[in-house]
Amino acid sequence: MTDKRILVVDDDAYVREATEEILLLRKYKVETASDGKSALAKLDEGDFDLILSDIKMPIMNGLELLEASRLKAPDTHVIMMTAFGTIEDAVEAMKKGAYDYVQKGSADPAEIEFVVERALKFQDAQLENKRLRSELKEKYSYGNMVGKAHNMEQVFDLIGTVADSRATVLITGESGTGKELVARALHYNSSRTASPFIRVNCAALPKDLMESELFGHEKGAFTGAVKQTRGRFEMADGGTLLLDEISEIDPALQAKLLRVLQEREFERVGSTQTIKVDVRIVATTNRNLQKEVEAGNFREDLYYRLNVIEMALPPLRERKEDIPALVQNFIAKFNKENSKTIDGVDDNTMEHLLHYDWPGNIRELENYTERAVVVSKGPKLVTSDYPKRLQDNPDDSTIDGGGIKVGMTVHDMEQQLIMKTLESCKGNRTDAANLLGISTRTLRNKLHEYGEMKAFKENENKDDSIAKELTMAAG
């Protein structure tokens, strides 16, 4: 801490010089001022880590200096030096933001050294915490999130619009699409960024522990409750609570969760004392909550309370134009972690990456890229650096080579099966229906649905004409 700059302020020259000498012996850089006004002038000239100031001074006293310095240099801590009989003033100063106080005159130099060192260590911890929060805010800035696809630009626009609101947000999408990343972006781009971001995985906790985990419990509330424990809602007070995979929450607990969302209050397990909190709720799910409501697995009123703002994240197969940028971003990340200098992906490998349908979405792409960076021996990633499923076939997400791909809807698969069967039966609908195990009427309705009926009728008419000509010729 020898680079720390300390300003000593006292109208008593003896106290000022004695305090300066104590600090110089500890190798601090020290400057002095005889009153509050002179001290403020020095703050204009340069930064100080700490101010030691007398309370009773002419022109501007210590309390006035404290208030002015907090506006001018908010990261500079202040320790008040008080004479016997002015302890009340020192306590008042601490209420107004002073870090601590020391008694001058009769004070042991070791006391000053101890209080100063403790203040500077506390300041370092605060500044480090501030730096880390700043890094988190930068990391989760939606402006830094990768994505140029139109459907992702819509997500980014919505993040910017609702981040600083109190509205509950429901983030939907398949596993691996980045739902938690968006939740963090909402938090770190809001005015709540200095407060906690707390996450609870509703799918990972046993049903009998979920209530205690969310709301906390009192000592003796149940077997094993050996002390009072705060729940996630209390931990997140002033900040954001992420309820990850909200569809997995036990139906019996959904009513209590609804009350917290409506009233912003709850009781710990085993307590009757109501606790009020200011928490912004973000929930995620990879299920269709509307269908869960229809199936009776999820309360309809809770669904609407959660679904104030919905953000639907597209799967990676619907934003493949983002793959090159995502890959480059992951390469940079894993280069740093593994001391590598890989500068990209060769063209053939990128072709494989673009044709694969990524059932695991961005998480799968990230994992594959990490593997490739770790095993790569060249300046660029090549196909052999990736798992075998990408090496064998650029379209390896196709099942059994039949054109059916992971991520296709049942409707698309059904249509493809029917059309392939008709093709193998040379357009004969009766034979195709028999092979498919459906009636010809059902097949005809399906073809109408697909818009393919006209083509088959034209083929049938053509076949009928040829049959008539052959019959006439034979006659």
Protein backbone atom coordinates (compact mmCIF):
# COMPACT_ATOMS: atom_id res chain seq x y z
CA MET A 1 0.00 0.00 0.00
CA THR A 2 3.02 2.30 -0.27
CA ASP A 3 1.50 4.00 -3.33
CA LYS A 4 -1.54 5.20 -1.37
CA ARG A 5 -2.00 8.97 -1.11
CA ILE A 6 -3.37 10.36 2.14
CA LEU A 7 -4.45 13.92 2.93
CA VAL A 8 -4.18 15.05 6.56
CA VAL A 9 -6.37 18.04 7.47
CA ASP A 10 -6.05 19.83 10.84
CA ASP A 11 -5.72 23.46 11.93
CA ASP A 12 -3.39 22.38 14.77
CA ALA A 13 0.10 22.31 13.25
CA TYR A 14 1.42 19.93 15.95
CA VAL A 15 -1.31 17.32 15.37
CA ARG A 16 -1.01 17.72 11.62
CA GLU A 17 2.74 17.16 11.60
CA ALA A 18 2.62 14.31 14.13
CA THR A 19 -0.01 12.47 12.09
CA GLU A 20 1.99 13.07 8.91
CA GLU A 21 5.10 11.58 10.51
CA ILE A 22 3.24 8.43 11.62
CA LEU A 23 1.97 7.84 8.09
CA LEU A 24 5.31 8.61 6.42
CA LEU A 25 6.95 5.94 8.57
CA ARG A 26 4.46 3.49 7.01
CA LYS A 27 5.66 4.62 3.56
CA TYR A 28 2.40 6.33 2.58
CA LYS A 29 2.49 9.42 0.37
CA VAL A 30 1.17 12.23 2.55
CA GLU A 31 0.04 15.81 1.98
CA THR A 32 -1.42 18.20 4.54
CA ALA A 33 -3.93 21.05 4.73
CA SER A 34 -4.80 23.43 7.58
CA ASP A 35 -8.54 23.67 6.91
CA GLY A 36 -11.36 22.20 4.86
CA LYS A 37 -11.23 24.81 2.12
CA SER A 38 -7.51 24.17 1.50
CA ALA A 39 -8.19 20.43 1.50
CA LEU A 40 -10.82 20.80 -1.25
CA ALA A 41 -8.32 22.77 -3.33
CA LYS A 42 -5.88 19.85 -3.05
CA LEU A 43 -8.64 17.44 -4.14
CA ASP A 44 -8.98 19.55 -7.28
CA GLU A 45 -5.25 19.12 -7.96
CA GLY A 46 -5.13 15.33 -7.62
CA ASP A 47 -6.71 12.15 -6.28
CA PHE A 48 -6.34 10.90 -2.72
CA ASP A 49 -7.17 7.45 -1.40
CA LEU A 50 -7.89 8.64 2.12
CA ILE A 51 -8.55 11.82 4.10
CA LEU A 52 -7.83 12.16 7.83
CA SER A 53 -9.66 15.26 8.99
CA ASP A 54 -10.18 17.10 12.26
CA ILE A 55 -13.82 17.91 13.04
CA LYS A 56 -13.41 21.34 14.68
CA MET A 57 -11.72 23.68 12.19
CA PRO A 58 -12.19 27.32 11.07
CA ILE A 59 -13.47 28.38 7.61
CA MET A 60 -14.80 24.86 6.83
CA ASN A 61 -15.17 22.23 9.53
CA GLY A 62 -14.70 18.49 9.17
CA LEU A 63 -18.38 17.65 8.63
CA GLU A 64 -18.63 20.20 5.82
CA LEU A 65 -15.42 18.82 4.28
CA LEU A 66 -16.87 15.29 4.50
CA GLU A 67 -20.02 16.25 2.59
CA ALA A 68 -18.07 18.22 -0.04
CA SER A 69 -15.46 15.48 -0.55
CA ARG A 70 -18.16 12.82 -1.04
CA LEU A 71 -19.46 14.85 -3.98
CA LYS A 72 -16.04 15.69 -5.39
CA ALA A 73 -14.28 12.35 -4.77
CA PRO A 74 -16.85 9.64 -3.86
CA ASP A 75 -14.25 6.83 -3.83
CA THR A 76 -12.06 8.64 -1.27
CA HIS A 77 -12.66 7.40 2.27
CA VAL A 78 -12.70 9.82 5.22
CA ILE A 79 -11.54 9.15 8.79
CA MET A 80 -12.43 11.80 11.34
CA MET A 81 -9.92 12.86 14.00
CA THR A 82 -11.68 13.94 17.15
CA ALA A 83 -10.56 15.42 20.44
CA PHE A 84 -11.91 14.17 23.74
CA GLY A 85 -15.44 15.44 24.24
CA THR A 86 -16.44 15.50 20.57
CA ILE A 87 -17.14 11.78 20.15
CA GLU A 88 -20.79 12.60 19.39
CA ASP A 89 -19.66 14.65 16.40
CA ALA A 90 -17.55 11.73 15.17
CA VAL A 91 -20.53 9.37 15.40
CA GLU A 92 -22.62 11.90 13.47
CA ALA A 93 -19.89 12.04 10.84
CA MET A 94 -20.05 8.24 10.43
CA LYS A 95 -23.79 8.50 9.90
CA LYS A 96 -23.03 10.93 7.08
CA GLY A 97 -20.56 8.59 5.42
CA ALA A 98 -17.23 8.76 7.27
CA TYR A 99 -15.50 5.38 7.39
CA ASP A 100 -14.32 5.62 11.02
CA TYR A 101 -12.82 7.97 13.58
CA VAL A 102 -9.71 8.11 15.77
CA GLN A 103 -9.15 10.12 18.93
CA LYS A 104 -6.23 12.51 18.54
CA GLY A 105 -3.86 13.80 21.17
CA SER A 106 -3.90 10.80 23.47
CA ALA A 107 -4.24 8.30 20.65
CA ASP A 108 -1.66 5.54 20.28
CA PRO A 109 0.09 5.83 16.86
CA ALA A 110 -0.63 2.12 16.38
CA GLU A 111 -4.35 2.91 16.51
CA ILE A 112 -4.04 5.39 13.65
CA GLU A 113 -1.97 2.90 11.65
CA PHE A 114 -4.55 0.16 12.22
CA VAL A 115 -7.60 2.26 11.30
CA VAL A 116 -5.87 3.69 8.20
CA GLU A 117 -4.76 0.26 6.97
CA ARG A 118 -8.22 -1.20 7.53
CA ALA A 119 -9.87 1.70 5.67
CA LEU A 120 -7.52 1.31 2.70
CA LYS A 121 -8.11 -2.45 2.52
CA PHE A 122 -11.86 -1.90 2.63
CA GLN A 123 -11.53 0.70 -0.12
CA ASP A 124 -9.53 -1.75 -2.27
CA ALA A 125 -12.24 -4.37 -1.82
CA GLN A 126 -14.92 -1.85 -2.80
CA LEU A 127 -13.01 -0.74 -5.89
CA GLU A 128 -12.36 -4.37 -6.90
CA ASN A 129 -16.04 -5.14 -6.47
CA LYS A 130 -16.90 -2.08 -8.54
CA ARG A 131 -14.43 -3.16 -11.23
CA LEU A 132 -15.85 -6.69 -11.36
CA ARG A 133 -19.40 -5.35 -11.61
CA SER A 134 -18.28 -3.08 -14.41
CA GLU A 135 -16.73 -6.06 -16.22
CA LEU A 136 -19.91 -8.06 -15.75
CA LYS A 137 -21.99 -5.19 -17.08
CA GLU A 138 -19.69 -4.97 -20.11
CA LYS A 139 -19.70 -8.76 -20.60
CA TYR A 140 -23.49 -8.98 -20.50
CA SER A 141 -24.15 -5.80 -22.42
CA TYR A 142 -26.64 -6.73 -25.10
CA GLY A 143 -24.55 -4.58 -27.45
CA ASN A 144 -21.78 -7.17 -27.06
CA MET A 145 -24.02 -10.18 -27.61
CA VAL A 146 -23.30 -11.92 -30.88
CA GLY A 147 -26.07 -11.96 -33.44
CA LYS A 148 -26.96 -10.22 -36.69
CA ALA A 149 -29.91 -12.42 -37.61
CA HIS A 150 -33.19 -10.52 -37.78
CA ASN A 151 -34.83 -12.65 -35.09
CA MET A 152 -31.93 -11.93 -32.71
CA GLU A 153 -31.95 -8.20 -33.44
CA GLN A 154 -35.57 -8.21 -32.29
CA VAL A 155 -34.46 -9.84 -29.01
CA PHE A 156 -31.70 -7.24 -28.52
CA ASP A 157 -34.15 -4.40 -29.17
CA LEU A 158 -36.54 -5.82 -26.59
CA ILE A 159 -33.74 -6.17 -23.99
CA GLY A 160 -32.89 -2.51 -24.45
CA THR A 161 -36.54 -1.51 -24.12
CA VAL A 162 -37.48 -3.47 -20.99
CA ALA A 163 -34.17 -3.89 -19.11
CA ASP A 164 -34.75 -1.00 -16.74
CA SER A 165 -38.41 -1.72 -16.09
CA ARG A 166 -39.78 -3.71 -13.17
CA ALA A 167 -41.86 -5.93 -15.44
CA THR A 168 -41.55 -9.69 -15.08
CA VAL A 169 -39.94 -11.31 -18.13
CA LEU A 170 -40.51 -14.85 -19.41
CA ILE A 171 -37.69 -16.11 -21.63
CA THR A 172 -38.62 -19.13 -23.75
CA GLY A 173 -36.53 -21.27 -26.05
CA GLU A 174 -34.88 -24.64 -26.46
CA SER A 175 -32.06 -25.74 -24.18
CA GLY A 176 -28.77 -24.10 -25.10
CA THR A 177 -30.22 -21.03 -26.84
CA GLY A 178 -28.81 -18.58 -24.27
CA LYS A 179 -31.76 -17.91 -21.97
CA GLU A 180 -29.60 -17.29 -18.89
CA LEU A 181 -27.32 -14.99 -20.89
CA VAL A 182 -30.33 -12.86 -21.82
CA ALA A 183 -31.51 -12.85 -18.18
CA ARG A 184 -28.11 -11.54 -17.08
CA ALA A 185 -28.16 -8.94 -19.84
CA LEU A 186 -31.51 -7.69 -18.51
CA HIS A 187 -30.01 -7.34 -15.03
CA TYR A 188 -26.66 -5.77 -15.95
CA ASN A 189 -28.27 -3.25 -18.29
CA SER A 190 -30.70 -2.04 -15.63
CA SER A 191 -30.45 0.30 -12.66
CA ARG A 192 -30.31 -2.84 -10.48
CA THR A 193 -26.81 -3.70 -11.69
CA ALA A 194 -25.21 -2.83 -8.32
CA SER A 195 -27.57 -5.23 -6.54
CA PRO A 196 -27.48 -9.05 -6.57
CA PHE A 197 -28.34 -11.30 -9.50
CA ILE A 198 -29.56 -14.54 -7.92
CA ARG A 199 -30.35 -17.71 -9.87
CA VAL A 200 -32.32 -20.75 -8.74
CA ASN A 201 -32.71 -23.84 -10.91
CA CYS A 202 -36.27 -25.04 -10.31
CA ALA A 203 -35.53 -28.37 -12.01
CA ALA A 204 -32.52 -29.21 -9.84
CA LEU A 205 -34.05 -28.83 -6.37
CA PRO A 206 -36.15 -31.53 -4.66
CA LYS A 207 -39.79 -30.54 -4.19
CA ASP A 208 -39.56 -30.63 -0.38
CA LEU A 209 -36.65 -28.15 -0.38
CA MET A 210 -37.93 -25.68 -2.97
CA GLU A 211 -40.07 -23.61 -0.58
CA SER A 212 -37.22 -23.21 1.89
CA GLU A 213 -34.81 -22.41 -0.94
CA LEU A 214 -37.04 -19.65 -2.28
CA PHE A 215 -38.37 -18.14 0.95
CA GLY A 216 -35.90 -19.24 3.64
CA HIS A 217 -36.72 -20.85 6.98
CA GLU A 218 -36.54 -20.32 10.71
CA LYS A 219 -34.44 -22.39 13.08
CA GLY A 220 -36.35 -25.56 13.97
CA ALA A 221 -38.89 -25.16 11.17
CA PHE A 222 -38.20 -28.75 10.09
CA THR A 223 -35.71 -31.53 10.74
CA GLY A 224 -32.26 -30.27 9.87
CA ALA A 225 -33.15 -26.56 10.14
CA VAL A 226 -30.40 -25.78 12.67
CA LYS A 227 -30.34 -22.03 12.02
CA GLN A 228 -32.34 -19.24 10.45
CA THR A 229 -31.65 -19.12 6.70
CA ARG A 230 -32.48 -16.49 4.12
CA GLY A 231 -34.13 -17.62 0.90
CA ARG A 232 -33.33 -16.56 -2.65
CA PHE A 233 -35.98 -13.82 -2.62
CA GLU A 234 -34.29 -12.12 0.34
CA MET A 235 -30.85 -12.56 -1.21
CA ALA A 236 -32.07 -10.87 -4.40
CA ASP A 237 -33.69 -7.88 -2.64
CA GLY A 238 -33.05 -4.79 -4.73
CA GLY A 239 -31.80 -6.92 -7.62
CA THR A 240 -32.96 -9.67 -9.96
CA LEU A 241 -34.09 -13.24 -9.28
CA LEU A 242 -33.83 -15.74 -12.14
CA LEU A 243 -36.26 -18.65 -11.83
CA ASP A 244 -34.63 -21.07 -14.27
CA GLU A 245 -36.88 -23.77 -15.80
CA ILE A 246 -39.98 -22.39 -14.06
CA SER A 247 -42.16 -25.10 -15.61
CA GLU A 248 -40.61 -27.62 -13.18
CA ILE A 249 -41.84 -25.88 -10.04
CA ASP A 250 -44.17 -27.99 -7.91
CA PRO A 251 -47.89 -27.13 -8.41
CA ALA A 252 -48.36 -26.91 -4.64
CA LEU A 253 -45.79 -24.09 -4.50
CA GLN A 254 -47.14 -22.18 -7.48
CA ALA A 255 -49.82 -20.42 -5.39
CA LYS A 256 -47.20 -19.09 -2.95
CA LEU A 257 -45.03 -17.92 -5.82
CA LEU A 258 -48.03 -16.15 -7.35
CA ARG A 259 -48.58 -14.26 -4.09
CA VAL A 260 -44.95 -13.06 -4.01
CA LEU A 261 -45.20 -11.83 -7.59
CA GLN A 262 -48.43 -9.97 -6.78
CA GLU A 263 -47.72 -8.63 -3.30
CA ARG A 264 -43.89 -8.62 -3.17
CA GLU A 265 -44.05 -10.22 0.27
CA PHE A 266 -43.76 -13.66 1.87
CA GLU A 267 -42.99 -15.50 5.12
CA ARG A 268 -40.08 -17.77 5.83
CA VAL A 269 -40.96 -21.42 6.47
CA GLY A 270 -41.85 -21.68 10.16
CA SER A 271 -42.46 -17.94 10.60
CA THR A 272 -45.49 -15.66 10.64
CA GLN A 273 -43.48 -12.48 10.09
CA THR A 274 -44.10 -10.96 6.66
CA ILE A 275 -41.02 -9.89 4.71
CA LYS A 276 -41.30 -7.34 1.90
CA VAL A 277 -38.81 -7.35 -0.96
CA ASP A 278 -38.10 -5.37 -4.12
CA VAL A 279 -37.14 -8.06 -6.61
CA ARG A 280 -37.33 -8.12 -10.40
CA ILE A 281 -38.36 -11.59 -11.58
CA VAL A 282 -37.03 -13.21 -14.76
CA ALA A 283 -38.19 -16.76 -15.55
CA THR A 284 -37.03 -19.19 -18.23
CA THR A 285 -38.49 -22.34 -19.70
CA ASN A 286 -37.81 -24.71 -22.59
CA ARG A 287 -41.40 -25.94 -22.50
CA ASN A 288 -44.59 -24.49 -23.93
CA LEU A 289 -46.17 -23.08 -20.77
CA GLN A 290 -49.50 -22.52 -22.52
CA LYS A 291 -49.73 -26.26 -23.18
CA GLU A 292 -48.65 -26.97 -19.61
CA VAL A 293 -51.56 -24.80 -18.46
CA GLU A 294 -53.98 -26.69 -20.74
CA ALA A 295 -52.66 -29.99 -19.38
CA GLY A 296 -53.29 -28.82 -15.81
CA ASN A 297 -49.60 -28.83 -14.85
CA PHE A 298 -49.22 -25.07 -14.46
CA ARG A 299 -51.51 -22.45 -12.93
CA GLU A 300 -53.06 -20.19 -15.54
CA ASP A 301 -52.96 -17.11 -13.26
CA LEU A 302 -49.26 -17.68 -12.54
CA TYR A 303 -48.58 -18.08 -16.26
CA TYR A 304 -50.13 -14.71 -17.05
CA ARG A 305 -48.34 -13.08 -14.11
CA LEU A 306 -45.01 -14.36 -15.43
CA ASN A 307 -45.73 -13.67 -19.08
CA VAL A 308 -45.85 -9.86 -18.86
CA ILE A 309 -42.97 -9.61 -21.33
CA GLU A 310 -42.11 -12.71 -23.37
CA MET A 311 -38.78 -13.14 -25.13
CA ALA A 312 -38.69 -16.11 -27.48
CA LEU A 313 -35.13 -17.10 -28.36
CA PRO A 314 -34.72 -18.76 -31.76
CA PRO A 315 -32.81 -22.05 -32.06
CA LEU A 316 -29.42 -21.86 -33.74
CA ARG A 317 -30.73 -23.65 -36.85
CA GLU A 318 -32.95 -20.59 -37.45
CA ARG A 319 -30.07 -18.10 -37.20
CA LYS A 320 -27.25 -19.89 -39.00
CA GLU A 321 -25.90 -16.62 -40.38
CA ASP A 322 -24.66 -15.97 -36.83
CA ILE A 323 -22.53 -19.14 -36.72
CA PRO A 324 -19.30 -17.60 -38.16
CA ALA A 325 -19.35 -14.74 -35.63
CA LEU A 326 -20.23 -17.08 -32.76
CA VAL A 327 -17.41 -19.45 -33.67
CA GLN A 328 -14.90 -16.60 -33.86
CA ASN A 329 -16.08 -15.35 -30.49
CA PHE A 330 -15.65 -18.80 -28.92
CA ILE A 331 -12.23 -19.23 -30.52
CA ALA A 332 -11.07 -15.96 -28.93
CA LYS A 333 -12.43 -17.12 -25.55
CA PHE A 334 -10.78 -20.54 -25.64
CA ASN A 335 -7.54 -19.20 -27.12
CA LYS A 336 -7.20 -17.10 -23.97
CA GLU A 337 -8.09 -19.99 -21.65
CA ASN A 338 -5.73 -22.46 -23.35
CA SER A 339 -2.89 -20.14 -24.45
CA LYS A 340 -3.60 -20.84 -28.12
CA THR A 341 -3.31 -18.55 -31.16
CA ILE A 342 -5.85 -20.08 -33.55
CA ASP A 343 -7.14 -17.41 -35.93
CA GLY A 344 -10.24 -19.01 -37.42
CA VAL A 345 -11.82 -21.96 -39.23
CA ASP A 346 -10.97 -23.23 -42.71
CA ASP A 347 -13.64 -22.95 -45.43
CA ASN A 348 -14.46 -26.66 -45.61
CA THR A 349 -14.98 -26.86 -41.85
CA MET A 350 -17.19 -23.78 -41.84
CA GLU A 351 -19.30 -25.45 -44.54
CA HIS A 352 -19.80 -28.42 -42.21
CA LEU A 353 -20.71 -26.09 -39.32
CA LEU A 354 -23.25 -24.22 -41.45
CA HIS A 355 -24.96 -27.40 -42.67
CA TYR A 356 -25.26 -29.05 -39.25
CA ASP A 357 -28.58 -28.34 -37.51
CA TRP A 358 -27.23 -27.98 -33.94
CA PRO A 359 -29.87 -29.74 -31.82
CA GLY A 360 -27.95 -28.55 -28.73
CA ASN A 361 -27.94 -24.98 -30.04
CA ILE A 362 -25.29 -22.45 -28.97
CA ARG A 363 -24.19 -24.57 -26.02
CA GLU A 364 -23.35 -27.43 -28.41
CA LEU A 365 -21.50 -25.08 -30.76
CA GLU A 366 -19.50 -23.68 -27.84
CA ASN A 367 -18.59 -27.14 -26.54
CA TYR A 368 -17.54 -28.35 -29.99
CA THR A 369 -15.44 -25.23 -30.54
CA GLU A 370 -13.73 -25.64 -27.17
CA ARG A 371 -12.86 -29.24 -28.08
CA ALA A 372 -11.55 -28.16 -31.45
CA VAL A 373 -9.37 -25.40 -29.99
CA VAL A 374 -7.90 -27.77 -27.38
CA VAL A 375 -6.98 -30.56 -29.86
CA SER A 376 -6.02 -28.36 -32.82
CA LYS A 377 -2.38 -28.36 -33.92
CA GLY A 378 -2.65 -25.81 -36.70
CA PRO A 379 -3.30 -22.11 -37.16
CA LYS A 380 -6.93 -22.77 -38.18
CA LEU A 381 -9.53 -25.24 -37.01
CA VAL A 382 -10.14 -28.09 -39.46
CA THR A 383 -12.88 -30.69 -39.72
CA SER A 384 -10.79 -33.38 -37.97
CA ASP A 385 -10.64 -31.17 -34.86
CA TYR A 386 -14.39 -31.60 -34.41
CA PRO A 387 -16.39 -34.66 -33.23
CA LYS A 388 -17.01 -37.44 -35.76
CA ARG A 389 -20.64 -36.49 -36.42
CA LEU A 390 -19.43 -33.28 -38.07
CA GLN A 391 -16.51 -34.97 -39.84
CA ASP A 392 -18.61 -37.64 -41.56
CA ASN A 393 -21.34 -35.54 -43.11
CA PRO A 394 -21.97 -31.81 -43.37
CA ASP A 395 -25.63 -32.61 -42.91
CA ASP A 396 -25.08 -35.17 -40.15
CA SER A 397 -28.20 -34.12 -38.32
CA THR A 398 -30.14 -36.15 -40.94
CA ILE A 399 -31.44 -39.40 -39.49
CA ASP A 400 -30.39 -42.50 -41.43
CA GLY A 401 -29.80 -40.39 -44.54
CA GLY A 402 -33.55 -40.15 -45.11
CA GLY A 403 -33.85 -36.39 -45.08
CA ILE A 404 -35.48 -36.33 -41.63
CA LYS A 405 -33.52 -33.95 -39.45
CA VAL A 406 -33.34 -33.19 -35.76
CA GLY A 407 -35.47 -30.11 -35.24
CA MET A 408 -38.02 -30.88 -37.97
CA THR A 409 -41.66 -30.66 -36.89
CA VAL A 410 -43.88 -33.74 -36.86
CA HIS A 411 -45.95 -32.08 -39.61
CA ASP A 412 -42.87 -31.74 -41.86
CA MET A 413 -41.79 -35.33 -41.16
CA GLU A 414 -45.27 -36.62 -41.97
CA GLN A 415 -45.37 -34.71 -45.26
CA GLN A 416 -41.93 -35.98 -46.25
CA LEU A 417 -42.90 -39.59 -45.44
CA ILE A 418 -46.11 -39.38 -47.47
CA MET A 419 -44.41 -37.81 -50.49
CA LYS A 420 -41.56 -40.36 -50.43
CA THR A 421 -44.08 -43.22 -50.22
CA LEU A 422 -46.11 -41.86 -53.14
CA GLU A 423 -42.92 -41.48 -55.15
CA SER A 424 -41.99 -45.12 -54.50
CA CYS A 425 -45.52 -46.19 -55.54
CA LYS A 426 -45.22 -44.16 -58.76
CA GLY A 427 -48.07 -41.91 -57.65
CA ASN A 428 -50.56 -44.70 -56.98
CA ARG A 429 -52.56 -43.37 -54.03
CA THR A 430 -54.23 -46.68 -53.18
CA ASP A 431 -50.90 -48.51 -52.93
CA ALA A 432 -49.36 -45.61 -51.00
CA ALA A 433 -52.29 -45.48 -48.55
CA ASN A 434 -51.98 -49.24 -47.94
CA LEU A 435 -48.24 -48.90 -47.24
CA LEU A 436 -48.85 -45.96 -44.91
CA GLY A 437 -51.66 -47.73 -43.07
CA ILE A 438 -54.19 -44.96 -43.75
CA SER A 439 -57.32 -44.68 -45.92
CA THR A 440 -57.18 -43.22 -49.43
CA ARG A 441 -59.53 -40.48 -48.22
CA THR A 442 -57.06 -39.50 -45.46
CA LEU A 443 -54.26 -39.50 -48.01
CA ARG A 444 -56.31 -37.34 -50.37
CA ASN A 445 -57.00 -34.85 -47.55
CA LYS A 446 -53.30 -34.72 -46.69
CA LEU A 447 -52.39 -34.02 -50.31
CA HIS A 448 -54.96 -31.21 -50.43
CA GLU A 449 -53.36 -29.84 -47.26
CA TYR A 450 -49.90 -29.95 -48.83
CA GLY A 451 -51.14 -28.41 -52.10
CA GLU A 452 -49.97 -31.47 -54.04
CA MET A 453 -53.37 -32.79 -55.23
CA LYS A 454 -53.42 -30.91 -58.54
CA ALA A 455 -50.14 -32.45 -59.67
CA PHE A 456 -51.33 -35.96 -58.87
CA LYS A 457 -54.63 -35.41 -60.69
CA GLU A 458 -52.75 -34.27 -63.78
CA ASN A 459 -50.57 -37.39 -63.59
CA GLU A 460 -53.67 -39.57 -63.11
CA ASN A 461 -55.43 -38.03 -66.14
CA LYS A 462 -52.31 -38.55 -68.21
CA ASP A 463 -52.12 -42.19 -67.08
CA ASP A 464 -55.85 -42.71 -67.86
CA SER A 465 -55.39 -41.34 -71.41
CA ILE A 466 -52.48 -43.67 -72.06
CA ALA A 467 -54.52 -46.62 -70.72
CA LYS A 468 -57.45 -45.80 -73.03
CA GLU A 469 -55.15 -45.58 -76.08
CA LEU A 470 -53.63 -48.94 -75.25
CA THR A 471 -57.10 -50.50 -74.84
CA MET A 472 -58.26 -49.13 -78.21
CA ALA A 473 -55.13 -50.36 -79.93
CA ALA A 474 -55.60 -53.82 -78.46
CA GLY A 475 -59.22 -53.85 -79.65
